[in-house]
Amino acid sequence: MLTGATVLATLMYAALGVLVFIISFIVVDKLTPGELWKEIIEKQNQAVALLAGAAALGLSIIIAAAIHG
């Protein structure tokens, strides 16, 4: 049975995970040469899009494992 505390904890962990993901992705963007968004959107660079997607998946898995314990 879900209590208010359980729902609140779930929402807090979800918000924390999203925040950590955004910060981590900004760091990945700064570490790569060039601008990821410009390469993906304007130049239609599929290799950079694949790199960004792989980084996003990897970061998500790490964050989920860290939060889950």
PDB file of N, CA and C in Angstrom:
ATOM      1  N   MET A   1       0.838  -1.177   0.000  1.00  0.00           N
ATOM      2  CA  MET A   1       0.000   0.000   0.000  1.00  0.00           C
ATOM      3  C   MET A   1       0.887   1.245   0.000  1.00  0.00           C
ATOM      4  N   LEU A   2       0.566   2.155  -0.872  1.00  0.00           N
ATOM      5  CA  LEU A   2       1.349   3.380  -0.975  1.00  0.00           C
ATOM      6  C   LEU A   2       0.894   4.400   0.060  1.00  0.00           C
ATOM      7  N   THR A   3       1.858   4.924   0.756  1.00  0.00           N
ATOM      8  CA  THR A   3       1.566   5.992   1.705  1.00  0.00           C
ATOM      9  C   THR A   3       2.050   7.309   1.115  1.00  0.00           C
ATOM     10  N   GLY A   4       1.693   8.385   1.762  1.00  0.00           N
ATOM     11  CA  GLY A   4       2.134   9.696   1.310  1.00  0.00           C
ATOM     12  C   GLY A   4       3.644   9.837   1.360  1.00  0.00           C
ATOM     13  N   ALA A   5       4.263   9.240   2.368  1.00  0.00           N
ATOM     14  CA  ALA A   5       5.718   9.312   2.502  1.00  0.00           C
ATOM     15  C   ALA A   5       6.409   8.553   1.376  1.00  0.00           C
ATOM     16  N   THR A   6       5.847   7.419   0.965  1.00  0.00           N
ATOM     17  CA  THR A   6       6.428   6.635  -0.119  1.00  0.00           C
ATOM     18  C   THR A   6       6.362   7.397  -1.433  1.00  0.00           C
ATOM     19  N   VAL A   7       5.224   7.993  -1.696  1.00  0.00           N
ATOM     20  CA  VAL A   7       5.053   8.760  -2.930  1.00  0.00           C
ATOM     21  C   VAL A   7       5.984   9.970  -2.929  1.00  0.00           C
ATOM     22  N   LEU A   8       6.088  10.653  -1.800  1.00  0.00           N
ATOM     23  CA  LEU A   8       6.968  11.812  -1.697  1.00  0.00           C
ATOM     24  C   LEU A   8       8.426  11.414  -1.904  1.00  0.00           C
ATOM     25  N   ALA A   9       8.844  10.309  -1.288  1.00  0.00           N
ATOM     26  CA  ALA A   9      10.221   9.839  -1.453  1.00  0.00           C
ATOM     27  C   ALA A   9      10.496   9.482  -2.912  1.00  0.00           C
ATOM     28  N   THR A  10       9.540   8.839  -3.567  1.00  0.00           N
ATOM     29  CA  THR A  10       9.694   8.480  -4.971  1.00  0.00           C
ATOM     30  C   THR A  10       9.851   9.718  -5.840  1.00  0.00           C
ATOM     31  N   LEU A  11       9.030  10.715  -5.601  1.00  0.00           N
ATOM     32  CA  LEU A  11       9.118  11.952  -6.374  1.00  0.00           C
ATOM     33  C   LEU A  11      10.432  12.688  -6.118  1.00  0.00           C
ATOM     34  N   MET A  12      10.899  12.664  -4.881  1.00  0.00           N
ATOM     35  CA  MET A  12      12.162  13.326  -4.557  1.00  0.00           C
ATOM     36  C   MET A  12      13.334  12.618  -5.230  1.00  0.00           C
ATOM     37  N   TYR A  13      13.343  11.286  -5.203  1.00  0.00           N
ATOM     38  CA  TYR A  13      14.411  10.541  -5.863  1.00  0.00           C
ATOM     39  C   TYR A  13      14.372  10.748  -7.381  1.00  0.00           C
ATOM     40  N   ALA A  14      13.173  10.805  -7.945  1.00  0.00           N
ATOM     41  CA  ALA A  14      13.043  11.048  -9.383  1.00  0.00           C
ATOM     42  C   ALA A  14      13.581  12.432  -9.741  1.00  0.00           C
ATOM     43  N   ALA A  15      13.224  13.435  -8.956  1.00  0.00           N
ATOM     44  CA  ALA A  15      13.712  14.801  -9.206  1.00  0.00           C
ATOM     45  C   ALA A  15      15.231  14.866  -9.048  1.00  0.00           C
ATOM     46  N   LEU A  16      15.747  14.198  -8.038  1.00  0.00           N
ATOM     47  CA  LEU A  16      17.196  14.175  -7.824  1.00  0.00           C
ATOM     48  C   LEU A  16      17.904  13.500  -8.998  1.00  0.00           C
ATOM     49  N   GLY A  17      17.347  12.397  -9.476  1.00  0.00           N
ATOM     50  CA  GLY A  17      17.934  11.692 -10.612  1.00  0.00           C
ATOM     51  C   GLY A  17      17.949  12.538 -11.869  1.00  0.00           C
ATOM     52  N   VAL A  18      16.852  13.248 -12.129  1.00  0.00           N
ATOM     53  CA  VAL A  18      16.780  14.119 -13.305  1.00  0.00           C
ATOM     54  C   VAL A  18      17.793  15.254 -13.188  1.00  0.00           C
ATOM     55  N   LEU A  19      17.903  15.841 -12.011  1.00  0.00           N
ATOM     56  CA  LEU A  19      18.853  16.933 -11.789  1.00  0.00           C
ATOM     57  C   LEU A  19      20.295  16.464 -11.989  1.00  0.00           C
ATOM     58  N   VAL A  20      20.634  15.328 -11.424  1.00  0.00           N
ATOM     59  CA  VAL A  20      21.986  14.785 -11.593  1.00  0.00           C
ATOM     60  C   VAL A  20      22.248  14.453 -13.060  1.00  0.00           C
ATOM     61  N   PHE A  21      21.240  13.920 -13.749  1.00  0.00           N
ATOM     62  CA  PHE A  21      21.396  13.603 -15.171  1.00  0.00           C
ATOM     63  C   PHE A  21      21.669  14.864 -15.989  1.00  0.00           C
ATOM     64  N   ILE A  22      20.914  15.921 -15.745  1.00  0.00           N
ATOM     65  CA  ILE A  22      21.101  17.166 -16.493  1.00  0.00           C
ATOM     66  C   ILE A  22      22.493  17.729 -16.265  1.00  0.00           C
ATOM     67  N   ILE A  23      22.918  17.767 -15.010  1.00  0.00           N
ATOM     68  CA  ILE A  23      24.255  18.279 -14.701  1.00  0.00           C
ATOM     69  C   ILE A  23      25.326  17.407 -15.353  1.00  0.00           C
ATOM     70  N   SER A  24      25.169  16.094 -15.278  1.00  0.00           N
ATOM     71  CA  SER A  24      26.148  15.181 -15.874  1.00  0.00           C
ATOM     72  C   SER A  24      26.209  15.337 -17.387  1.00  0.00           C
ATOM     73  N   PHE A  25      25.054  15.524 -18.015  1.00  0.00           N
ATOM     74  CA  PHE A  25      25.047  15.662 -19.469  1.00  0.00           C
ATOM     75  C   PHE A  25      25.689  16.985 -19.899  1.00  0.00           C
ATOM     76  N   ILE A  26      25.507  18.026 -19.107  1.00  0.00           N
ATOM     77  CA  ILE A  26      26.178  19.298 -19.397  1.00  0.00           C
ATOM     78  C   ILE A  26      27.693  19.116 -19.316  1.00  0.00           C
ATOM     79  N   VAL A  27      28.144  18.351 -18.328  1.00  0.00           N
ATOM     80  CA  VAL A  27      29.586  18.085 -18.202  1.00  0.00           C
ATOM     81  C   VAL A  27      30.088  17.306 -19.420  1.00  0.00           C
ATOM     82  N   VAL A  28      29.336  16.303 -19.853  1.00  0.00           N
ATOM     83  CA  VAL A  28      29.721  15.538 -21.048  1.00  0.00           C
ATOM     84  C   VAL A  28      29.773  16.464 -22.258  1.00  0.00           C
ATOM     85  N   ASP A  29      28.811  17.356 -22.382  1.00  0.00           N
ATOM     86  CA  ASP A  29      28.782  18.306 -23.495  1.00  0.00           C
ATOM     87  C   ASP A  29      30.010  19.207 -23.479  1.00  0.00           C
ATOM     88  N   LYS A  30      30.418  19.647 -22.294  1.00  0.00           N
ATOM     89  CA  LYS A  30      31.592  20.521 -22.189  1.00  0.00           C
ATOM     90  C   LYS A  30      32.892  19.769 -22.475  1.00  0.00           C
ATOM     91  N   LEU A  31      32.930  18.473 -22.177  1.00  0.00           N
ATOM     92  CA  LEU A  31      34.145  17.686 -22.387  1.00  0.00           C
ATOM     93  C   LEU A  31      34.354  17.282 -23.844  1.00  0.00           C
ATOM     94  N   THR A  32      33.292  17.271 -24.631  1.00  0.00           N
ATOM     95  CA  THR A  32      33.421  16.900 -26.036  1.00  0.00           C
ATOM     96  C   THR A  32      33.769  18.135 -26.863  1.00  0.00           C
ATOM     97  N   PRO A  33      34.557  17.942 -27.901  1.00  0.00           N
ATOM     98  CA  PRO A  33      34.892  19.095 -28.744  1.00  0.00           C
ATOM     99  C   PRO A  33      33.674  19.553 -29.552  1.00  0.00           C
ATOM    100  N   GLY A  34      33.547  20.842 -29.748  1.00  0.00           N
ATOM    101  CA  GLY A  34      32.419  21.380 -30.507  1.00  0.00           C
ATOM    102  C   GLY A  34      31.169  21.487 -29.648  1.00  0.00           C
ATOM    103  N   GLU A  35      30.073  21.791 -30.307  1.00  0.00           N
ATOM    104  CA  GLU A  35      28.784  21.910 -29.625  1.00  0.00           C
ATOM    105  C   GLU A  35      27.889  20.752 -30.055  1.00  0.00           C
ATOM    106  N   LEU A  36      27.507  19.917 -29.110  1.00  0.00           N
ATOM    107  CA  LEU A  36      26.700  18.737 -29.437  1.00  0.00           C
ATOM    108  C   LEU A  36      25.384  19.107 -30.106  1.00  0.00           C
ATOM    109  N   TRP A  37      24.671  20.066 -29.520  1.00  0.00           N
ATOM    110  CA  TRP A  37      23.341  20.409 -30.035  1.00  0.00           C
ATOM    111  C   TRP A  37      23.434  20.918 -31.475  1.00  0.00           C
ATOM    112  N   LYS A  38      24.424  21.766 -31.753  1.00  0.00           N
ATOM    113  CA  LYS A  38      24.596  22.312 -33.098  1.00  0.00           C
ATOM    114  C   LYS A  38      24.929  21.196 -34.081  1.00  0.00           C
ATOM    115  N   GLU A  39      25.789  20.287 -33.672  1.00  0.00           N
ATOM    116  CA  GLU A  39      26.166  19.168 -34.543  1.00  0.00           C
ATOM    117  C   GLU A  39      24.973  18.258 -34.842  1.00  0.00           C
ATOM    118  N   ILE A  40      24.164  18.002 -33.827  1.00  0.00           N
ATOM    119  CA  ILE A  40      23.044  17.077 -34.002  1.00  0.00           C
ATOM    120  C   ILE A  40      21.916  17.719 -34.799  1.00  0.00           C
ATOM    121  N   ILE A  41      21.510  18.922 -34.427  1.00  0.00           N
ATOM    122  CA  ILE A  41      20.338  19.547 -35.036  1.00  0.00           C
ATOM    123  C   ILE A  41      20.659  20.197 -36.378  1.00  0.00           C
ATOM    124  N   GLU A  42      21.667  21.052 -36.409  1.00  0.00           N
ATOM    125  CA  GLU A  42      21.934  21.807 -37.626  1.00  0.00           C
ATOM    126  C   GLU A  42      22.669  21.002 -38.694  1.00  0.00           C
ATOM    127  N   LYS A  43      23.657  20.228 -38.272  1.00  0.00           N
ATOM    128  CA  LYS A  43      24.465  19.485 -39.242  1.00  0.00           C
ATOM    129  C   LYS A  43      23.983  18.053 -39.454  1.00  0.00           C
ATOM    130  N   GLN A  44      22.972  17.620 -38.704  1.00  0.00           N
ATOM    131  CA  GLN A  44      22.398  16.269 -38.832  1.00  0.00           C
ATOM    132  C   GLN A  44      23.467  15.177 -38.694  1.00  0.00           C
ATOM    133  N   ASN A  45      24.395  15.360 -37.746  1.00  0.00           N
ATOM    134  CA  ASN A  45      25.486  14.424 -37.538  1.00  0.00           C
ATOM    135  C   ASN A  45      24.982  13.240 -36.711  1.00  0.00           C
ATOM    136  N   GLN A  46      24.772  12.100 -37.376  1.00  0.00           N
ATOM    137  CA  GLN A  46      24.222  10.923 -36.706  1.00  0.00           C
ATOM    138  C   GLN A  46      25.209  10.286 -35.744  1.00  0.00           C
ATOM    139  N   ALA A  47      26.493  10.383 -36.028  1.00  0.00           N
ATOM    140  CA  ALA A  47      27.500   9.811 -35.136  1.00  0.00           C
ATOM    141  C   ALA A  47      27.506  10.546 -33.789  1.00  0.00           C
ATOM    142  N   VAL A  48      27.390  11.855 -33.820  1.00  0.00           N
ATOM    143  CA  VAL A  48      27.347  12.632 -32.581  1.00  0.00           C
ATOM    144  C   VAL A  48      26.046  12.355 -31.832  1.00  0.00           C
ATOM    145  N   ALA A  49      24.949  12.194 -32.564  1.00  0.00           N
ATOM    146  CA  ALA A  49      23.678  11.856 -31.926  1.00  0.00           C
ATOM    147  C   ALA A  49      23.771  10.501 -31.234  1.00  0.00           C
ATOM    148  N   LEU A  50      24.425   9.552 -31.869  1.00  0.00           N
ATOM    149  CA  LEU A  50      24.617   8.232 -31.263  1.00  0.00           C
ATOM    150  C   LEU A  50      25.484   8.333 -30.016  1.00  0.00           C
ATOM    151  N   LEU A  51      26.536   9.136 -30.074  1.00  0.00           N
ATOM    152  CA  LEU A  51      27.396   9.352 -28.910  1.00  0.00           C
ATOM    153  C   LEU A  51      26.599   9.978 -27.764  1.00  0.00           C
ATOM    154  N   ALA A  52      25.796  10.982 -28.064  1.00  0.00           N
ATOM    155  CA  ALA A  52      24.993  11.645 -27.033  1.00  0.00           C
ATOM    156  C   ALA A  52      23.965  10.686 -26.438  1.00  0.00           C
ATOM    157  N   GLY A  53      23.352   9.875 -27.286  1.00  0.00           N
ATOM    158  CA  GLY A  53      22.383   8.895 -26.794  1.00  0.00           C
ATOM    159  C   GLY A  53      23.020   7.840 -25.909  1.00  0.00           C
ATOM    160  N   ALA A  54      24.195   7.371 -26.313  1.00  0.00           N
ATOM    161  CA  ALA A  54      24.906   6.376 -25.503  1.00  0.00           C
ATOM    162  C   ALA A  54      25.330   6.977 -24.163  1.00  0.00           C
ATOM    163  N   ALA A  55      25.783   8.217 -24.185  1.00  0.00           N
ATOM    164  CA  ALA A  55      26.157   8.889 -22.936  1.00  0.00           C
ATOM    165  C   ALA A  55      24.936   9.061 -22.032  1.00  0.00           C
ATOM    166  N   ALA A  56      23.807   9.422 -22.628  1.00  0.00           N
ATOM    167  CA  ALA A  56      22.577   9.597 -21.850  1.00  0.00           C
ATOM    168  C   ALA A  56      22.138   8.277 -21.214  1.00  0.00           C
ATOM    169  N   LEU A  57      22.181   7.193 -21.978  1.00  0.00           N
ATOM    170  CA  LEU A  57      21.806   5.884 -21.426  1.00  0.00           C
ATOM    171  C   LEU A  57      22.762   5.451 -20.314  1.00  0.00           C
ATOM    172  N   GLY A  58      24.042   5.620 -20.551  1.00  0.00           N
ATOM    173  CA  GLY A  58      25.029   5.247 -19.537  1.00  0.00           C
ATOM    174  C   GLY A  58      24.857   6.045 -18.251  1.00  0.00           C
ATOM    175  N   LEU A  59      24.679   7.348 -18.384  1.00  0.00           N
ATOM    176  CA  LEU A  59      24.461   8.183 -17.200  1.00  0.00           C
ATOM    177  C   LEU A  59      23.184   7.782 -16.467  1.00  0.00           C
ATOM    178  N   SER A  60      22.139   7.491 -17.224  1.00  0.00           N
ATOM    179  CA  SER A  60      20.868   7.100 -16.608  1.00  0.00           C
ATOM    180  C   SER A  60      21.003   5.806 -15.811  1.00  0.00           C
ATOM    181  N   ILE A  61      21.704   4.843 -16.357  1.00  0.00           N
ATOM    182  CA  ILE A  61      21.885   3.572 -15.659  1.00  0.00           C
ATOM    183  C   ILE A  61      22.698   3.766 -14.384  1.00  0.00           C
ATOM    184  N   ILE A  62      23.755   4.562 -14.469  1.00  0.00           N
ATOM    185  CA  ILE A  62      24.578   4.817 -13.284  1.00  0.00           C
ATOM    186  C   ILE A  62      23.782   5.533 -12.197  1.00  0.00           C
ATOM    187  N   ILE A  63      23.022   6.542 -12.585  1.00  0.00           N
ATOM    188  CA  ILE A  63      22.230   7.305 -11.620  1.00  0.00           C
ATOM    189  C   ILE A  63      21.153   6.420 -10.985  1.00  0.00           C
ATOM    190  N   ALA A  64      20.495   5.601 -11.806  1.00  0.00           N
ATOM    191  CA  ALA A  64      19.447   4.710 -11.275  1.00  0.00           C
ATOM    192  C   ALA A  64      20.041   3.712 -10.293  1.00  0.00           C
ATOM    193  N   ALA A  65      21.200   3.163 -10.610  1.00  0.00           N
ATOM    194  CA  ALA A  65      21.836   2.205  -9.713  1.00  0.00           C
ATOM    195  C   ALA A  65      22.272   2.879  -8.413  1.00  0.00           C
ATOM    196  N   ALA A  66      22.761   4.113  -8.509  1.00  0.00           N
ATOM    197  CA  ALA A  66      23.186   4.826  -7.311  1.00  0.00           C
ATOM    198  C   ALA A  66      22.008   5.165  -6.413  1.00  0.00           C
ATOM    199  N   ILE A  67      20.892   5.548  -6.994  1.00  0.00           N
ATOM    200  CA  ILE A  67      19.712   5.891  -6.207  1.00  0.00           C
ATOM    201  C   ILE A  67      19.068   4.644  -5.633  1.00  0.00           C
ATOM    202  N   HIS A  68      19.012   3.582  -6.439  1.00  0.00           N
ATOM    203  CA  HIS A  68      18.357   2.352  -5.979  1.00  0.00           C
ATOM    204  C   HIS A  68      19.147   1.681  -4.874  1.00  0.00           C
ATOM    205  N   GLY A  69      20.461   1.765  -4.947  1.00  0.00           N
ATOM    206  CA  GLY A  69      21.303   1.178  -3.901  1.00  0.00           C
ATOM    207  C   GLY A  69      21.767  -0.134  -4.328  1.00  0.00           C
TER     208      GLY A  69
END
